[in-house]
Amino acid sequence: MSSLQAAIGKSEGIIAADPDAECEIWVAAGTYVPLEGDVVDSTTSWKATFKPPAGVALYGGFYGDERALGQQDPVNNKTVLSGDLLGDDEPDSFENMVENSRRIFRPTWNTIVDGFELSGGFADMSQGAPDIMGGGAAMRIDQDSNDPAQITIKRCLFRHNRADYTGEQTNVDGGAAVQINDTEGVILRDCRFEDNYGSDDANPDTHLFGGAQAAFGSAVDLVDCTFVGNLATGTDSWGGAVLSSSSMLSVDRCLFFGNEAGGGGGGLCATGELTMLNSMFHANTGGSSGGAICLGETSVPGGIVNSTIAGNDTDGDGGGVYLDNPGRIKIANSIVWGNEAGGVADLDAQLHAAAAPSAVRSSCVHGIAETWWNLDQDPLFFDPDGLDDLPGTPDDELRLAVSSPCVDSGRNSELPAGAYRDLDGVGDPPIDMGAYERPMAGDSKGNGDVTVADFECTVLAQNWQPAGGVGPLPECLSRLAYADLNADGLVNVTDVVCDIQLALELPPGCAP
């Protein structure tokens, strides 16, 4: 039995003796598998899972000698919950996973899971277990109490999990890494979903949704989450990263990059209720519709606000947003640009079957009729094809250049109450269009102030860029775009001089 299973067993005794007890499990760095014993049995071990009792909080990221929760450090003390029971999974391959756990973790109500990597889960129907259902290989959340659930998953990495449907009957399911069923009060915060894979190739009548995460009849908040390189194959698979089916989904400050669905919604597919704010969709692909987003019978009460949907594609309709329901949808303070449908980047490729232009407000949309509130102008992203000059790769920089027409062109009245932070977590009213708020001139650090520290940061950026961007950005620098103060696409001595002038409150001589 793993030491973590033993700790969970002890917590069950504590909660049984006092249901109101506050119980925390601190987990030291290492890799843990959910075995009850020490031997892997191919006929039964696949059932192994971590399932703490209700009310228990699990924290990963400890060295082992800490005395306070604030000393938790998941980055340097990597704590892995692995479904690879034999430790024989092959890197960069989804083969050789037959003996893996079908469900690594099963939270119950009032659970906190913080600071873990969950990888190597393999949910398929090969064992004939009805609760596997081809989804939730890393984590499945079900409402198992009459009390309202409050389940918080934060600072977790969901990587390299697979969900397969291999049965003969028609089924509707999904969420390769995380599946949420009939549960309210689920929060996923500051989590990363990377390289998760859902397949329904074994049965063309099967619909597998959500290459990373899926919710059915639930209420879910995604906050500060990143979805990269997730895949849902099959021509009827919807939501390369996320599916929200008959659910209430809130998306705030999330990034969707390089996800793919064989059907529609390369980044996200939703039916039910959706609210989206300060999020970006880039380089996602939907096979039949909605390169970035596909919306079915969906109500969007808060609309899609201050988001960037750029450089996505589909072979069908709506490279940016595909609206299947003929109802209206509000898109405000957003940039929808350079999306392609069948190789064409016109207005229909940006918003297919979306509402009349009156529902698009204070936004920059490729091909839209210009008004005093909407723009059809190049948003002037700082470096849309990145340092490698290849669009659709991770170094693409879609923050706004200082001379972008989208800077200060949004409307603060479109923001929900209290929403002042962009995808970087900063704000600088008046509001810009898109997911990223460009800081004030001279604020190279992107923290809302202009000081001598910004000048020092610009100097570091100047020394970094001529080397071709080798290695990480200077630690002080939010993004290279912020240090280019004269909009020439470079960070050089001109920007350094400009930063000095701004820091000393002298008239700058570097206006674009």
Protein backbone atom coordinates (compact mmCIF):
# COMPACT_ATOMS: atom_id res chain seq x y z
CA MET A 1 0.00 0.00 0.00
CA SER A 2 1.33 3.47 -0.88
CA SER A 3 2.03 5.87 1.97
CA LEU A 4 -0.64 8.20 0.56
CA GLN A 5 -3.28 5.44 0.64
CA ALA A 6 -2.30 4.81 4.24
CA ALA A 7 -2.72 8.49 5.10
CA ILE A 8 -6.13 8.54 3.42
CA GLY A 9 -7.08 5.51 5.50
CA LYS A 10 -6.15 7.34 8.70
CA SER A 11 -8.17 10.37 7.62
CA GLU A 12 -11.23 8.15 7.26
CA GLY A 13 -10.92 7.23 10.94
CA ILE A 14 -10.53 10.87 11.97
CA ILE A 15 -13.61 12.00 10.01
CA ALA A 16 -15.63 9.02 11.21
CA ALA A 17 -14.88 9.95 14.82
CA ASP A 18 -15.60 13.67 14.27
CA PRO A 19 -17.38 14.63 11.01
CA ASP A 20 -16.65 18.31 11.69
CA ALA A 21 -12.90 17.78 12.08
CA GLU A 22 -10.57 19.75 9.80
CA CYS A 23 -8.27 17.19 8.21
CA GLU A 24 -5.32 18.00 5.94
CA ILE A 25 -2.90 15.61 4.27
CA TRP A 26 0.46 17.12 3.28
CA VAL A 27 2.21 15.04 0.64
CA ALA A 28 5.97 15.07 0.09
CA ALA A 29 7.55 15.20 -3.36
CA GLY A 30 7.54 11.88 -5.18
CA THR A 31 5.36 9.64 -7.32
CA TYR A 32 2.39 7.82 -5.81
CA VAL A 33 0.20 5.14 -7.40
CA PRO A 34 -3.21 4.21 -5.96
CA LEU A 35 -2.47 0.56 -5.24
CA GLU A 36 -3.94 -1.01 -2.10
CA GLY A 37 -1.18 -3.64 -2.05
CA ASP A 38 2.26 -4.12 -3.54
CA VAL A 39 1.38 -6.40 -6.47
CA VAL A 40 -0.21 -5.37 -9.75
CA ASP A 41 -2.96 -7.79 -10.77
CA SER A 42 -4.04 -7.24 -14.37
CA THR A 43 -7.58 -8.42 -13.58
CA THR A 44 -8.28 -6.12 -10.62
CA SER A 45 -5.57 -3.48 -10.12
CA TRP A 46 -7.05 -1.20 -12.78
CA LYS A 47 -9.76 -0.36 -10.22
CA ALA A 48 -7.20 1.28 -7.92
CA THR A 49 -8.02 4.90 -7.08
CA PHE A 50 -7.36 7.54 -4.44
CA LYS A 51 -10.65 8.45 -2.74
CA PRO A 52 -10.39 10.54 0.44
CA PRO A 53 -13.44 11.00 2.67
CA ALA A 54 -15.55 14.15 2.45
CA GLY A 55 -14.02 17.24 3.99
CA VAL A 56 -10.36 16.25 3.59
CA ALA A 57 -7.86 18.62 1.97
CA LEU A 58 -4.81 17.22 0.16
CA TYR A 59 -1.77 19.38 -0.51
CA GLY A 60 1.22 18.33 -2.60
CA GLY A 61 4.54 20.08 -2.99
CA PHE A 62 6.40 19.50 0.27
CA TYR A 63 10.00 18.53 0.90
CA GLY A 64 9.15 16.85 4.18
CA ASP A 65 10.34 19.14 6.95
CA GLU A 66 7.83 22.00 6.59
CA ARG A 67 5.82 23.21 9.56
CA ALA A 68 3.40 25.63 7.85
CA LEU A 69 1.09 25.23 4.87
CA GLY A 70 2.52 28.43 3.43
CA GLN A 71 5.81 26.60 2.85
CA GLN A 72 4.17 24.44 0.19
CA ASP A 73 6.14 24.60 -3.09
CA PRO A 74 4.59 22.44 -5.85
CA VAL A 75 7.01 23.77 -8.48
CA ASN A 76 10.20 22.62 -6.79
CA ASN A 77 8.71 19.68 -4.89
CA LYS A 78 6.96 17.82 -7.70
CA THR A 79 4.26 15.52 -6.36
CA VAL A 80 2.77 13.08 -8.88
CA LEU A 81 -0.35 10.96 -8.59
CA SER A 82 0.23 8.40 -11.34
CA GLY A 83 -2.03 5.85 -12.95
CA ASP A 84 0.99 4.02 -14.37
CA LEU A 85 0.90 1.11 -11.93
CA LEU A 86 3.87 -0.74 -13.46
CA GLY A 87 5.90 2.38 -14.23
CA ASP A 88 6.33 1.31 -17.84
CA ASP A 89 4.48 4.00 -19.81
CA GLU A 90 6.39 5.27 -22.81
CA PRO A 91 7.09 9.02 -23.02
CA ASP A 92 5.15 10.83 -25.75
CA SER A 93 3.06 7.73 -26.46
CA PHE A 94 -0.37 6.55 -25.36
CA GLU A 95 0.49 2.92 -25.91
CA ASN A 96 1.32 0.39 -23.20
CA MET A 97 -1.35 1.69 -20.79
CA VAL A 98 -3.57 -1.38 -20.49
CA GLU A 99 -2.78 -2.07 -16.81
CA ASN A 100 -3.05 1.59 -15.78
CA SER A 101 -5.57 2.88 -13.26
CA ARG A 102 -8.91 3.70 -14.86
CA ARG A 103 -9.50 6.51 -12.37
CA ILE A 104 -6.58 7.99 -10.43
CA PHE A 105 -8.54 10.22 -8.07
CA ARG A 106 -12.16 10.53 -6.94
CA PRO A 107 -12.86 13.63 -4.85
CA THR A 108 -15.88 13.81 -2.61
CA TRP A 109 -17.78 16.87 -1.45
CA ASN A 110 -15.92 19.64 0.38
CA THR A 111 -12.58 18.41 -0.91
CA ILE A 112 -9.49 20.48 -1.76
CA VAL A 113 -6.79 19.09 -4.06
CA ASP A 114 -3.83 21.47 -4.39
CA GLY A 115 -0.37 21.12 -5.93
CA PHE A 116 -0.31 17.77 -7.75
CA GLU A 117 0.43 16.36 -11.17
CA LEU A 118 -2.09 13.71 -12.24
CA SER A 119 -0.87 11.65 -15.20
CA GLY A 120 -1.08 8.24 -16.76
CA GLY A 121 -4.78 7.57 -16.19
CA PHE A 122 -6.47 5.35 -18.80
CA ALA A 123 -10.28 5.25 -18.81
CA ASP A 124 -11.76 2.84 -21.30
CA MET A 125 -14.59 0.31 -21.44
CA SER A 126 -12.40 -2.74 -21.97
CA GLN A 127 -13.08 -4.03 -18.45
CA GLY A 128 -16.85 -3.70 -18.90
CA ALA A 129 -17.20 -1.48 -15.82
CA PRO A 130 -20.21 0.83 -16.25
CA ASP A 131 -18.72 3.60 -14.10
CA ILE A 132 -15.66 3.93 -16.31
CA MET A 133 -17.65 5.23 -19.30
CA GLY A 134 -14.67 6.40 -21.30
CA GLY A 135 -13.82 9.54 -19.34
CA GLY A 136 -12.25 11.04 -16.23
CA ALA A 137 -9.03 9.04 -16.37
CA ALA A 138 -7.28 11.37 -13.93
CA MET A 139 -10.28 12.51 -11.92
CA ARG A 140 -14.01 11.95 -11.86
CA ILE A 141 -16.31 14.09 -9.73
CA ASP A 142 -19.84 12.98 -8.91
CA GLN A 143 -22.42 14.42 -6.57
CA ASP A 144 -22.41 11.76 -3.85
CA SER A 145 -24.15 13.71 -1.11
CA ASN A 146 -27.42 15.56 -0.68
CA ASP A 147 -25.38 18.51 0.54
CA PRO A 148 -24.09 21.06 -2.00
CA ALA A 149 -20.59 20.16 -3.08
CA GLN A 150 -17.67 22.55 -2.82
CA ILE A 151 -14.76 20.91 -4.59
CA THR A 152 -11.68 23.00 -5.31
CA ILE A 153 -8.89 21.74 -7.56
CA LYS A 154 -5.99 24.18 -7.83
CA ARG A 155 -2.40 24.35 -9.00
CA CYS A 156 -2.69 20.89 -10.56
CA LEU A 157 -1.20 19.62 -13.82
CA PHE A 158 -3.30 17.09 -15.75
CA ARG A 159 -0.97 15.56 -18.29
CA HIS A 160 -0.92 12.56 -20.60
CA ASN A 161 -4.21 10.97 -19.61
CA ARG A 162 -6.21 8.90 -22.08
CA ALA A 163 -9.88 8.03 -22.43
CA ASP A 164 -10.98 5.41 -24.91
CA TYR A 165 -14.33 3.97 -25.82
CA THR A 166 -13.75 0.37 -26.89
CA GLY A 167 -17.19 -1.12 -26.25
CA GLU A 168 -19.80 -2.05 -28.83
CA GLN A 169 -22.74 -0.01 -27.61
CA THR A 170 -23.42 3.60 -28.48
CA ASN A 171 -22.42 5.93 -25.66
CA VAL A 172 -22.17 9.61 -24.92
CA ASP A 173 -19.38 10.57 -22.61
CA GLY A 174 -16.03 12.28 -22.32
CA GLY A 175 -13.49 14.32 -20.42
CA ALA A 176 -10.25 12.43 -20.97
CA ALA A 177 -8.58 13.88 -17.86
CA VAL A 178 -11.46 15.24 -15.73
CA GLN A 179 -15.14 14.35 -15.86
CA ILE A 180 -17.74 16.15 -13.72
CA ASN A 181 -21.26 14.77 -13.36
CA ASP A 182 -24.36 16.38 -11.82
CA THR A 183 -22.26 18.41 -9.41
CA GLU A 184 -22.41 22.07 -8.42
CA GLY A 185 -19.66 24.13 -6.83
CA VAL A 186 -16.63 22.75 -8.70
CA ILE A 187 -13.73 25.20 -9.07
CA LEU A 188 -10.64 24.48 -11.18
CA ARG A 189 -8.13 27.24 -10.46
CA ASP A 190 -4.62 27.78 -11.82
CA CYS A 191 -4.57 24.30 -13.39
CA ARG A 192 -2.87 23.17 -16.59
CA PHE A 193 -4.26 20.51 -18.94
CA GLU A 194 -1.66 19.29 -21.40
CA ASP A 195 -1.43 16.45 -23.89
CA ASN A 196 -4.59 14.60 -22.86
CA TYR A 197 -6.25 12.36 -25.42
CA GLY A 198 -9.80 11.17 -25.99
CA SER A 199 -10.64 8.69 -28.73
CA ASP A 200 -13.86 7.23 -30.08
CA ASP A 201 -12.25 5.68 -33.15
CA ALA A 202 -13.37 2.18 -32.09
CA ASN A 203 -17.02 3.08 -32.54
CA PRO A 204 -18.09 5.79 -35.00
CA ASP A 205 -21.47 6.05 -33.23
CA THR A 206 -19.82 6.97 -29.95
CA HIS A 207 -19.52 10.62 -29.03
CA LEU A 208 -16.53 11.42 -26.88
CA PHE A 209 -16.34 15.03 -25.80
CA GLY A 210 -13.71 17.13 -24.08
CA GLY A 211 -10.16 16.05 -24.77
CA ALA A 212 -9.17 17.48 -21.38
CA GLN A 213 -12.27 18.15 -19.28
CA ALA A 214 -16.01 17.58 -19.60
CA ALA A 215 -18.98 18.50 -17.42
CA PHE A 216 -22.49 17.07 -17.63
CA GLY A 217 -25.37 18.76 -15.79
CA SER A 218 -22.93 20.60 -13.52
CA ALA A 219 -21.79 24.06 -12.46
CA VAL A 220 -18.06 24.61 -13.04
CA ASP A 221 -15.72 27.60 -12.74
CA LEU A 222 -12.47 27.59 -14.73
CA VAL A 223 -10.15 30.32 -13.44
CA ASP A 224 -6.56 31.00 -14.56
CA CYS A 225 -6.38 27.63 -16.34
CA THR A 226 -4.34 26.65 -19.40
CA PHE A 227 -5.31 24.04 -22.00
CA VAL A 228 -2.53 23.07 -24.42
CA GLY A 229 -2.32 20.29 -26.98
CA ASN A 230 -5.38 18.29 -25.95
CA LEU A 231 -7.13 16.12 -28.52
CA ALA A 232 -10.58 14.58 -29.01
CA THR A 233 -10.57 12.40 -32.11
CA GLY A 234 -13.46 11.07 -34.16
CA THR A 235 -15.76 12.99 -36.48
CA ASP A 236 -18.42 13.34 -33.78
CA SER A 237 -16.10 14.43 -30.97
CA TRP A 238 -16.78 17.92 -29.65
CA GLY A 239 -14.55 20.10 -27.51
CA GLY A 240 -10.87 19.45 -28.13
CA ALA A 241 -10.11 20.78 -24.65
CA VAL A 242 -13.44 21.39 -22.86
CA LEU A 243 -17.01 20.24 -23.21
CA SER A 244 -19.79 21.75 -21.10
CA SER A 245 -23.00 19.81 -21.69
CA SER A 246 -26.25 21.10 -20.18
CA SER A 247 -24.07 22.82 -17.58
CA MET A 248 -23.27 26.25 -16.21
CA LEU A 249 -19.68 27.09 -17.15
CA SER A 250 -17.72 30.18 -16.19
CA VAL A 251 -14.36 30.76 -17.92
CA ASP A 252 -12.14 33.54 -16.55
CA ARG A 253 -8.54 34.29 -17.54
CA CYS A 254 -8.00 30.99 -19.35
CA LEU A 255 -5.75 30.15 -22.30
CA PHE A 256 -6.62 27.59 -24.99
CA PHE A 257 -3.77 26.83 -27.39
CA GLY A 258 -3.24 24.09 -29.95
CA ASN A 259 -6.20 21.89 -29.01
CA GLU A 260 -8.09 19.85 -31.61
CA ALA A 261 -11.50 18.22 -31.98
CA GLY A 262 -12.46 15.86 -34.78
CA GLY A 263 -15.95 17.37 -34.69
CA GLY A 264 -16.46 20.95 -33.53
CA GLY A 265 -15.09 23.35 -30.96
CA GLY A 266 -11.34 22.83 -31.11
CA GLY A 267 -10.96 24.72 -27.85
CA LEU A 268 -14.39 24.58 -26.24
CA CYS A 269 -17.88 23.32 -26.98
CA ALA A 270 -20.80 24.33 -24.77
CA THR A 271 -24.50 23.73 -24.38
CA GLY A 272 -26.30 25.16 -21.38
CA GLU A 273 -24.99 28.40 -19.89
CA LEU A 274 -21.62 30.01 -20.58
CA THR A 275 -19.89 33.14 -19.28
CA MET A 276 -16.43 33.98 -20.61
CA LEU A 277 -14.04 36.77 -19.62
CA ASN A 278 -10.39 37.67 -20.28
CA SER A 279 -9.58 34.47 -22.15
CA MET A 280 -7.63 33.61 -25.30
CA PHE A 281 -8.10 30.98 -28.01
CA HIS A 282 -5.24 30.56 -30.47
CA ALA A 283 -4.20 27.86 -32.95
CA ASN A 284 -7.08 25.52 -32.10
CA THR A 285 -8.69 23.31 -34.75
CA GLY A 286 -12.25 22.02 -35.12
CA GLY A 287 -12.79 19.42 -37.81
CA SER A 288 -16.33 20.27 -38.86
CA SER A 289 -17.11 23.62 -37.18
CA GLY A 290 -15.94 26.10 -34.59
CA GLY A 291 -12.17 26.13 -34.79
CA ALA A 292 -12.04 27.79 -31.38
CA ILE A 293 -15.56 27.68 -29.91
CA CYS A 294 -18.75 25.81 -30.77
CA LEU A 295 -21.99 26.82 -29.05
CA GLY A 296 -25.11 24.67 -29.25
CA GLU A 297 -28.31 25.29 -27.30
CA THR A 298 -26.46 27.80 -25.18
CA SER A 299 -27.38 30.81 -23.12
CA VAL A 300 -24.51 33.25 -22.70
CA PRO A 301 -25.77 35.59 -19.96
CA GLY A 302 -22.49 37.44 -19.50
CA GLY A 303 -21.38 37.11 -23.08
CA ILE A 304 -17.84 36.66 -24.37
CA VAL A 305 -16.07 39.69 -22.94
CA ASN A 306 -12.49 40.95 -23.24
CA SER A 307 -11.32 37.82 -25.00
CA THR A 308 -9.04 37.16 -27.96
CA ILE A 309 -10.01 34.53 -30.54
CA ALA A 310 -7.32 34.54 -33.22
CA GLY A 311 -5.60 32.20 -35.63
CA ASN A 312 -7.95 29.21 -35.21
CA ASP A 313 -9.25 27.13 -38.09
CA THR A 314 -11.80 24.57 -39.28
CA ASP A 315 -12.59 22.76 -42.50
CA GLY A 316 -16.27 23.58 -41.97
CA ASP A 317 -17.92 26.77 -40.71
CA GLY A 318 -16.84 29.31 -38.12
CA GLY A 319 -13.09 29.20 -37.67
CA GLY A 320 -13.53 31.46 -34.64
CA VAL A 321 -17.00 30.96 -33.16
CA TYR A 322 -19.71 28.64 -34.48
CA LEU A 323 -23.22 29.25 -33.17
CA ASP A 324 -25.54 26.34 -33.83
CA ASN A 325 -28.46 27.86 -31.93
CA PRO A 326 -29.96 30.78 -33.90
CA GLY A 327 -30.27 32.85 -30.72
CA ARG A 328 -28.23 35.93 -29.93
CA ILE A 329 -24.88 36.12 -28.22
CA LYS A 330 -23.06 39.18 -26.92
CA ILE A 331 -19.41 39.61 -27.85
CA ALA A 332 -17.88 42.71 -26.26
CA ASN A 333 -14.44 44.29 -25.89
CA SER A 334 -13.02 41.32 -27.79
CA ILE A 335 -10.74 40.60 -30.73
CA VAL A 336 -11.86 37.97 -33.28
CA TRP A 337 -9.23 38.02 -35.99
CA GLY A 338 -7.44 35.86 -38.55
CA ASN A 339 -9.56 32.74 -38.04
CA GLU A 340 -10.08 30.58 -41.11
CA ALA A 341 -12.88 28.33 -42.34
CA GLY A 342 -11.96 26.20 -45.33
CA GLY A 343 -8.91 28.40 -45.89
CA VAL A 344 -10.95 31.63 -46.01
CA ALA A 345 -10.67 34.37 -43.36
CA ASP A 346 -13.82 36.45 -43.96
CA LEU A 347 -16.45 37.60 -41.44
CA ASP A 348 -18.31 34.29 -41.62
CA ALA A 349 -15.08 32.53 -40.72
CA GLN A 350 -14.84 34.65 -37.59
CA LEU A 351 -18.47 34.35 -36.41
CA HIS A 352 -20.64 31.85 -38.23
CA ALA A 353 -24.40 32.14 -37.72
CA ALA A 354 -23.75 34.46 -34.80
CA ALA A 355 -26.11 37.26 -33.87
CA ALA A 356 -26.63 40.42 -35.83
CA PRO A 357 -23.77 42.92 -35.64
CA SER A 358 -25.64 44.78 -32.88
CA ALA A 359 -24.70 41.90 -30.53
CA VAL A 360 -21.01 42.53 -31.23
CA ARG A 361 -20.01 45.62 -29.31
CA SER A 362 -16.74 47.48 -28.86
CA SER A 363 -14.83 44.71 -30.59
CA CYS A 364 -12.31 44.23 -33.36
CA VAL A 365 -13.64 41.63 -35.81
CA HIS A 366 -12.12 40.69 -39.15
CA GLY A 367 -14.58 41.73 -41.89
CA ILE A 368 -17.24 43.38 -39.70
CA ALA A 369 -18.89 46.62 -40.81
CA GLU A 370 -17.05 49.39 -39.00
CA THR A 371 -19.02 51.61 -36.65
CA TRP A 372 -17.99 53.99 -33.93
CA TRP A 373 -17.90 51.03 -31.54
CA ASN A 374 -16.59 48.17 -33.74
CA LEU A 375 -13.33 47.93 -35.69
CA ASP A 376 -12.26 46.05 -38.80
CA GLN A 377 -8.58 46.94 -38.44
CA ASP A 378 -5.47 44.86 -37.90
CA PRO A 379 -5.23 44.63 -34.10
CA LEU A 380 -1.43 44.82 -34.40
CA PHE A 381 -0.45 41.97 -32.13
CA PHE A 382 3.13 42.47 -30.98
CA ASP A 383 4.57 39.40 -32.74
CA PRO A 384 1.80 37.10 -34.03
CA ASP A 385 4.21 34.53 -35.48
CA GLY A 386 6.74 34.68 -32.64
CA LEU A 387 10.52 34.60 -32.71
CA ASP A 388 10.47 31.48 -34.90
CA ASP A 389 8.40 33.31 -37.57
CA LEU A 390 5.97 30.39 -37.64
CA PRO A 391 2.33 31.17 -36.82
CA GLY A 392 0.51 28.73 -34.58
CA THR A 393 3.51 27.87 -32.39
CA PRO A 394 3.84 28.49 -28.63
CA ASP A 395 6.02 31.60 -28.94
CA ASP A 396 3.33 33.59 -30.81
CA GLU A 397 2.87 36.89 -28.97
CA LEU A 398 -0.72 38.15 -29.13
CA ARG A 399 -0.37 40.98 -26.66
CA LEU A 400 -1.01 44.36 -28.22
CA ALA A 401 1.71 46.55 -29.66
CA VAL A 402 1.78 50.06 -28.25
CA SER A 403 0.31 51.44 -31.52
CA SER A 404 -2.59 48.96 -31.71
CA PRO A 405 -5.99 50.51 -32.48
CA CYS A 406 -7.43 48.21 -29.79
CA VAL A 407 -5.58 49.94 -26.94
CA ASP A 408 -8.03 51.95 -24.80
CA SER A 409 -10.80 51.18 -27.31
CA GLY A 410 -13.04 48.98 -25.16
CA ARG A 411 -15.92 50.08 -22.98
CA ASN A 412 -15.67 49.72 -19.22
CA SER A 413 -19.45 49.44 -19.05
CA GLU A 414 -19.26 46.01 -20.73
CA LEU A 415 -17.25 44.53 -17.87
CA PRO A 416 -19.00 42.55 -15.15
CA ALA A 417 -18.90 44.21 -11.76
CA GLY A 418 -15.49 43.89 -10.11
CA ALA A 419 -13.71 42.50 -13.20
CA TYR A 420 -10.50 44.50 -13.55
CA ARG A 421 -7.80 41.88 -14.19
CA ASP A 422 -6.84 40.66 -17.65
CA LEU A 423 -5.28 37.34 -18.67
CA ASP A 424 -1.97 38.50 -17.16
CA GLY A 425 -3.71 39.47 -13.93
CA VAL A 426 -3.21 43.22 -14.46
CA GLY A 427 -5.54 46.10 -15.29
CA ASP A 428 -5.09 49.61 -16.67
CA PRO A 429 -8.36 51.41 -17.43
CA PRO A 430 -9.64 52.63 -19.85
CA ILE A 431 -10.06 49.06 -20.99
CA ASP A 432 -8.46 47.62 -24.13
CA MET A 433 -10.06 45.20 -26.55
CA GLY A 434 -8.94 41.61 -26.18
CA ALA A 435 -7.66 39.35 -23.43
CA TYR A 436 -4.53 41.34 -22.61
CA GLU A 437 -4.51 44.83 -21.18
CA ARG A 438 -1.49 46.79 -22.33
CA PRO A 439 0.14 48.47 -19.31
CA MET A 440 0.90 52.15 -19.21
CA ALA A 441 3.90 53.29 -21.23
CA GLY A 442 7.14 52.41 -19.50
CA ASP A 443 5.65 49.67 -17.31
CA SER A 444 7.92 46.92 -18.65
CA LYS A 445 7.17 44.72 -15.65
CA GLY A 446 3.44 44.98 -16.22
CA ASN A 447 2.66 45.59 -12.54
CA GLY A 448 0.87 48.95 -12.82
CA ASP A 449 3.78 51.25 -11.85
CA VAL A 450 6.58 52.98 -13.72
CA THR A 451 9.78 53.04 -11.68
CA VAL A 452 13.53 52.68 -12.11
CA ALA A 453 12.98 48.92 -11.85
CA ASP A 454 11.20 49.03 -15.21
CA PHE A 455 14.25 50.65 -16.78
CA GLU A 456 16.44 47.88 -15.38
CA CYS A 457 14.05 45.34 -16.79
CA THR A 458 14.10 46.95 -20.25
CA VAL A 459 17.90 46.78 -20.24
CA LEU A 460 17.70 43.05 -19.50
CA ALA A 461 15.18 42.60 -22.32
CA GLN A 462 17.45 44.49 -24.72
CA ASN A 463 20.31 42.13 -23.91
CA TRP A 464 18.03 39.09 -24.24
CA GLN A 465 16.39 39.73 -27.58
CA PRO A 466 19.45 39.99 -29.90
CA ALA A 467 20.42 36.45 -28.88
CA GLY A 468 17.26 35.23 -30.54
CA GLY A 469 15.38 34.84 -27.32
CA VAL A 470 17.51 31.97 -26.06
CA GLY A 471 16.35 30.81 -22.63
CA PRO A 472 13.52 32.25 -20.57
CA LEU A 473 12.55 35.89 -20.52
CA PRO A 474 14.22 38.02 -17.83
CA GLU A 475 12.55 37.21 -14.53
CA CYS A 476 11.30 40.76 -14.08
CA LEU A 477 9.63 40.96 -17.48
CA SER A 478 5.98 40.02 -17.93
CA ARG A 479 6.26 39.91 -21.69
CA LEU A 480 8.65 41.31 -24.27
CA ALA A 481 5.83 43.36 -25.83
CA TYR A 482 5.72 45.64 -22.79
CA ALA A 483 9.33 46.74 -23.21
CA ASP A 484 8.88 47.87 -26.84
CA LEU A 485 7.91 51.46 -26.13
CA ASN A 486 8.22 52.93 -29.62
CA ALA A 487 6.39 50.16 -31.52
CA ASP A 488 9.24 49.25 -33.85
CA GLY A 489 9.07 45.55 -32.96
CA LEU A 490 12.42 45.62 -31.16
CA VAL A 491 13.68 46.22 -27.66
CA ASN A 492 16.80 48.33 -28.00
CA VAL A 493 18.60 51.39 -26.68
CA THR A 494 15.77 53.67 -27.83
CA ASP A 495 13.38 51.90 -25.50
CA VAL A 496 15.93 52.06 -22.67
CA VAL A 497 16.21 55.84 -23.06
CA CYS A 498 12.44 56.14 -23.22
CA ASP A 499 12.06 54.12 -20.02
CA ILE A 500 14.51 56.40 -18.22
CA GLN A 501 12.50 59.44 -19.28
CA LEU A 502 9.24 57.91 -18.13
CA ALA A 503 10.65 56.70 -14.82
CA LEU A 504 12.01 60.20 -14.10
CA GLU A 505 8.72 61.76 -15.26
CA LEU A 506 10.47 63.59 -18.09
CA PRO A 507 8.76 64.21 -21.47
CA PRO A 508 9.37 61.01 -23.44
CA GLY A 509 10.93 61.22 -26.87
CA CYS A 510 9.86 57.80 -28.03
CA ALA A 511 6.23 58.09 -29.09
CA PRO A 512 5.34 55.62 -31.85
